[in-house]
Amino acid sequence: MSTGDKIENVGDKLKGKVKETAGKAVGNERLEAEGKADQVKGDVRQAGEHVKDAFKH
């Protein structure tokens, strides 16, 4: 996994956490759900990168 990919995946997770927290704070369920989705997206992309790395070795 390249450093750029790692940073992007962590960025998605962080952005998602911020959205989720903001959504909870203002009672916006849609924003909260988007935040959770962004976090899952970062996790899935990170898992995919780990699989690719496993096949490279």
C-alpha atoms as a PDB file:
ATOM      1  CA  MET A   1       0.000   0.000   0.000  1.00  0.00           C
ATOM      2  CA  SER A   2       1.422   3.332  -0.979  1.00  0.00           C
ATOM      3  CA  THR A   3       1.721   6.156   1.494  1.00  0.00           C
ATOM      4  CA  GLY A   4      -0.702   8.240  -0.567  1.00  0.00           C
ATOM      5  CA  ASP A   5      -3.327   5.503  -0.367  1.00  0.00           C
ATOM      6  CA  LYS A   6      -2.854   5.187   3.385  1.00  0.00           C
ATOM      7  CA  ILE A   7      -3.296   8.913   3.840  1.00  0.00           C
ATOM      8  CA  GLU A   8      -6.392   8.961   1.645  1.00  0.00           C
ATOM      9  CA  ASN A   9      -7.969   6.063   3.544  1.00  0.00           C
ATOM     10  CA  VAL A  10      -7.266   7.672   6.915  1.00  0.00           C
ATOM     11  CA  GLY A  11      -8.618  10.935   5.516  1.00  0.00           C
ATOM     12  CA  ASP A  12     -11.887   9.246   4.548  1.00  0.00           C
ATOM     13  CA  LYS A  13     -12.203   7.749   8.004  1.00  0.00           C
ATOM     14  CA  LEU A  14     -11.422  11.054   9.717  1.00  0.00           C
ATOM     15  CA  LYS A  15     -13.802  13.000   7.476  1.00  0.00           C
ATOM     16  CA  GLY A  16     -16.471  10.436   8.240  1.00  0.00           C
ATOM     17  CA  LYS A  17     -15.938  10.706  11.986  1.00  0.00           C
ATOM     18  CA  VAL A  18     -16.230  14.498  11.806  1.00  0.00           C
ATOM     19  CA  LYS A  19     -19.450  14.267   9.774  1.00  0.00           C
ATOM     20  CA  GLU A  20     -20.887  11.660  12.128  1.00  0.00           C
ATOM     21  CA  THR A  21     -20.084  13.752  15.197  1.00  0.00           C
ATOM     22  CA  ALA A  22     -21.473  16.916  13.615  1.00  0.00           C
ATOM     23  CA  GLY A  23     -24.627  15.079  12.587  1.00  0.00           C
ATOM     24  CA  LYS A  24     -25.149  13.809  16.120  1.00  0.00           C
ATOM     25  CA  ALA A  25     -24.510  17.265  17.567  1.00  0.00           C
ATOM     26  CA  VAL A  26     -27.121  18.995  15.420  1.00  0.00           C
ATOM     27  CA  GLY A  27     -29.551  16.077  15.192  1.00  0.00           C
ATOM     28  CA  ASN A  28     -29.026  15.583  11.453  1.00  0.00           C
ATOM     29  CA  GLU A  29     -29.456  11.861  10.816  1.00  0.00           C
ATOM     30  CA  ARG A  30     -28.493  12.157   7.137  1.00  0.00           C
ATOM     31  CA  LEU A  31     -25.165  13.803   7.953  1.00  0.00           C
ATOM     32  CA  GLU A  32     -24.530  11.215  10.656  1.00  0.00           C
ATOM     33  CA  ALA A  33     -25.242   8.391   8.176  1.00  0.00           C
ATOM     34  CA  GLU A  34     -22.956   9.966   5.562  1.00  0.00           C
ATOM     35  CA  GLY A  35     -20.212  10.092   8.153  1.00  0.00           C
ATOM     36  CA  LYS A  36     -20.612   6.434   8.988  1.00  0.00           C
ATOM     37  CA  ALA A  37     -20.592   5.601   5.266  1.00  0.00           C
ATOM     38  CA  ASP A  38     -17.355   7.554   4.742  1.00  0.00           C
ATOM     39  CA  GLN A  39     -15.738   5.637   7.590  1.00  0.00           C
ATOM     40  CA  VAL A  40     -16.793   2.312   6.090  1.00  0.00           C
ATOM     41  CA  LYS A  41     -15.493   3.439   2.691  1.00  0.00           C
ATOM     42  CA  GLY A  42     -12.082   4.136   4.231  1.00  0.00           C
ATOM     43  CA  ASP A  43     -12.080   0.758   5.981  1.00  0.00           C
ATOM     44  CA  VAL A  44     -13.046  -1.127   2.807  1.00  0.00           C
ATOM     45  CA  ARG A  45     -10.421   0.637   0.706  1.00  0.00           C
ATOM     46  CA  GLN A  46      -7.805  -0.083   3.349  1.00  0.00           C
ATOM     47  CA  ALA A  47      -8.779  -3.772   3.417  1.00  0.00           C
ATOM     48  CA  GLY A  48      -8.537  -3.898  -0.382  1.00  0.00           C
ATOM     49  CA  GLU A  49      -5.047  -2.437  -0.242  1.00  0.00           C
ATOM     50  CA  HIS A  50      -4.020  -5.081   2.298  1.00  0.00           C
ATOM     51  CA  VAL A  51      -5.268  -7.822  -0.045  1.00  0.00           C
ATOM     52  CA  LYS A  52      -3.292  -6.351  -2.946  1.00  0.00           C
ATOM     53  CA  ASP A  53      -0.187  -6.175  -0.760  1.00  0.00           C
ATOM     54  CA  ALA A  54      -0.613  -9.814   0.262  1.00  0.00           C
ATOM     55  CA  PHE A  55      -0.572 -10.928  -3.379  1.00  0.00           C
ATOM     56  CA  LYS A  56       2.509  -8.839  -4.162  1.00  0.00           C
ATOM     57  CA  HIS A  57       4.594 -10.725  -1.616  1.00  0.00           C
END
